Amino acid sequence: MLKKLVLNLIGSNAGLYLAVRFVSQVDFEGSLGLFVLAGSVLGILNFILKPLINLVAFPVLTFLTFGLFNLIINSAIVWGVDILFPELKIIGIGPLVITSLIVSLVSFLVNVVMK
């Protein structure tokens, strides 16, 4: 469980870094420490909230939308981190969705490679 949390933190930080670096309209204007904190909060929220939401509230929606509802959950979590950290600036729904896709993909790849 702790290993999965650490891998999730690494994946979230790396995914957020890639999004800030390569997605236009996604920017971070703060210190490195604050960036790591934002990525870690993202990782912790993904680790705790995402499974709870998938398990409790929306298994039918995930099934009916062929998993696209997970994208909505991920985007909502990234949006929450964007609100919590004013240094993180994601302007528009397109960059928000792309950022959530990048974070999800990088987290998945980190978990697969390090498992």
Protein backbone atom coordinates (compact mmCIF):
# COMPACT_ATOMS: atom_id res chain seq x y z
CA MET A 1 0.00 0.00 0.00
CA LEU A 2 2.80 2.43 0.89
CA LYS A 3 4.68 1.45 -2.27
CA LYS A 4 1.60 2.20 -4.37
CA LEU A 5 1.22 5.61 -2.70
CA VAL A 6 4.88 6.47 -3.34
CA LEU A 7 4.58 5.38 -6.99
CA ASN A 8 1.42 7.45 -7.30
CA LEU A 9 3.24 10.49 -5.89
CA ILE A 10 6.11 10.02 -8.33
CA GLY A 11 3.75 9.56 -11.27
CA SER A 12 1.64 12.57 -10.36
CA ASN A 13 4.65 14.84 -9.94
CA ALA A 14 6.20 13.64 -13.21
CA GLY A 15 2.90 13.94 -15.09
CA LEU A 16 2.27 17.42 -13.75
CA TYR A 17 5.81 18.43 -14.73
CA LEU A 18 5.29 17.15 -18.30
CA ALA A 19 1.96 18.97 -18.55
CA VAL A 20 3.48 22.25 -17.34
CA ARG A 21 6.40 21.80 -19.70
CA PHE A 22 4.57 20.79 -22.89
CA VAL A 23 0.90 21.84 -22.71
CA SER A 24 0.18 25.41 -23.69
CA GLN A 25 -2.00 27.29 -21.22
CA VAL A 26 -0.67 25.19 -18.32
CA ASP A 27 1.88 27.02 -16.20
CA PHE A 28 3.33 26.95 -12.71
CA GLU A 29 4.71 30.15 -11.21
CA GLY A 30 6.16 29.10 -7.89
CA SER A 31 9.11 27.45 -6.21
CA LEU A 32 10.22 23.87 -6.79
CA GLY A 33 9.11 22.96 -3.28
CA LEU A 34 5.64 24.30 -3.92
CA PHE A 35 5.51 22.42 -7.24
CA VAL A 36 6.40 19.15 -5.48
CA LEU A 37 3.74 19.90 -2.87
CA ALA A 38 1.11 20.49 -5.60
CA GLY A 39 2.10 17.26 -7.37
CA SER A 40 2.03 15.38 -4.08
CA VAL A 41 -1.43 16.70 -3.21
CA LEU A 42 -2.55 15.58 -6.67
CA GLY A 43 -1.08 12.14 -6.05
CA ILE A 44 -2.67 11.80 -2.63
CA LEU A 45 -6.08 12.90 -3.94
CA ASN A 46 -5.79 10.41 -6.80
CA PHE A 47 -4.75 7.71 -4.36
CA ILE A 48 -7.59 8.32 -1.89
CA LEU A 49 -10.52 9.96 -3.71
CA LYS A 50 -10.48 8.27 -7.09
CA PRO A 51 -10.97 4.70 -5.82
CA LEU A 52 -13.64 5.85 -3.37
CA ILE A 53 -15.59 7.68 -6.06
CA ASN A 54 -15.28 4.75 -8.45
CA LEU A 55 -16.34 2.23 -5.81
CA VAL A 56 -19.13 4.04 -4.03
CA ALA A 57 -20.86 6.38 -6.40
CA PHE A 58 -20.27 5.73 -10.04
CA PRO A 59 -19.54 2.13 -11.11
CA VAL A 60 -22.54 2.14 -13.44
CA LEU A 61 -21.49 5.43 -15.07
CA THR A 62 -17.97 4.11 -15.62
CA PHE A 63 -19.39 0.99 -17.24
CA LEU A 64 -21.91 2.85 -19.39
CA THR A 65 -19.36 5.39 -20.63
CA PHE A 66 -16.70 2.74 -21.33
CA GLY A 67 -14.36 4.29 -18.78
CA LEU A 68 -14.65 7.88 -19.99
CA PHE A 69 -16.18 8.82 -16.65
CA ASN A 70 -12.71 8.20 -15.16
CA LEU A 71 -11.49 11.10 -17.29
CA ILE A 72 -14.12 13.32 -15.68
CA ILE A 73 -13.02 12.19 -12.21
CA ASN A 74 -9.35 12.80 -13.04
CA SER A 75 -10.13 16.21 -14.52
CA ALA A 76 -12.11 17.18 -11.43
CA ILE A 77 -9.19 16.20 -9.18
CA VAL A 78 -6.71 18.18 -11.31
CA TRP A 79 -9.11 21.13 -11.27
CA GLY A 80 -9.27 20.90 -7.47
CA VAL A 81 -5.47 21.07 -7.28
CA ASP A 82 -5.57 24.02 -9.68
CA ILE A 83 -7.94 25.79 -7.28
CA LEU A 84 -5.89 24.91 -4.18
CA PHE A 85 -2.64 26.18 -5.69
CA PRO A 86 -2.96 29.61 -7.34
CA GLU A 87 0.59 29.16 -8.67
CA LEU A 88 -0.74 26.42 -10.97
CA LYS A 89 -2.55 28.02 -13.86
CA ILE A 90 -4.62 25.84 -16.19
CA ILE A 91 -6.58 28.03 -18.58
CA GLY A 92 -9.49 26.27 -20.26
CA ILE A 93 -11.13 22.88 -20.31
CA GLY A 94 -8.93 21.51 -23.11
CA PRO A 95 -5.64 21.96 -21.24
CA LEU A 96 -7.34 20.63 -18.08
CA VAL A 97 -8.38 17.41 -19.82
CA ILE A 98 -4.98 17.03 -21.50
CA THR A 99 -3.24 17.56 -18.15
CA SER A 100 -5.41 14.91 -16.49
CA LEU A 101 -4.67 12.50 -19.36
CA ILE A 102 -0.93 13.09 -19.04
CA VAL A 103 -0.98 12.65 -15.26
CA SER A 104 -3.03 9.45 -15.58
CA LEU A 105 -0.82 8.01 -18.30
CA VAL A 106 2.45 8.81 -16.52
CA SER A 107 1.12 7.43 -13.21
CA PHE A 108 0.01 4.27 -14.99
CA LEU A 109 3.41 3.86 -16.68
CA VAL A 110 5.29 4.42 -13.41
CA ASN A 111 3.14 1.81 -11.68
CA VAL A 112 3.65 -0.71 -14.51
CA VAL A 113 7.42 -0.20 -14.80
CA MET A 114 8.13 -0.16 -11.05
CA LYS A 115 5.82 -3.01 -10.11
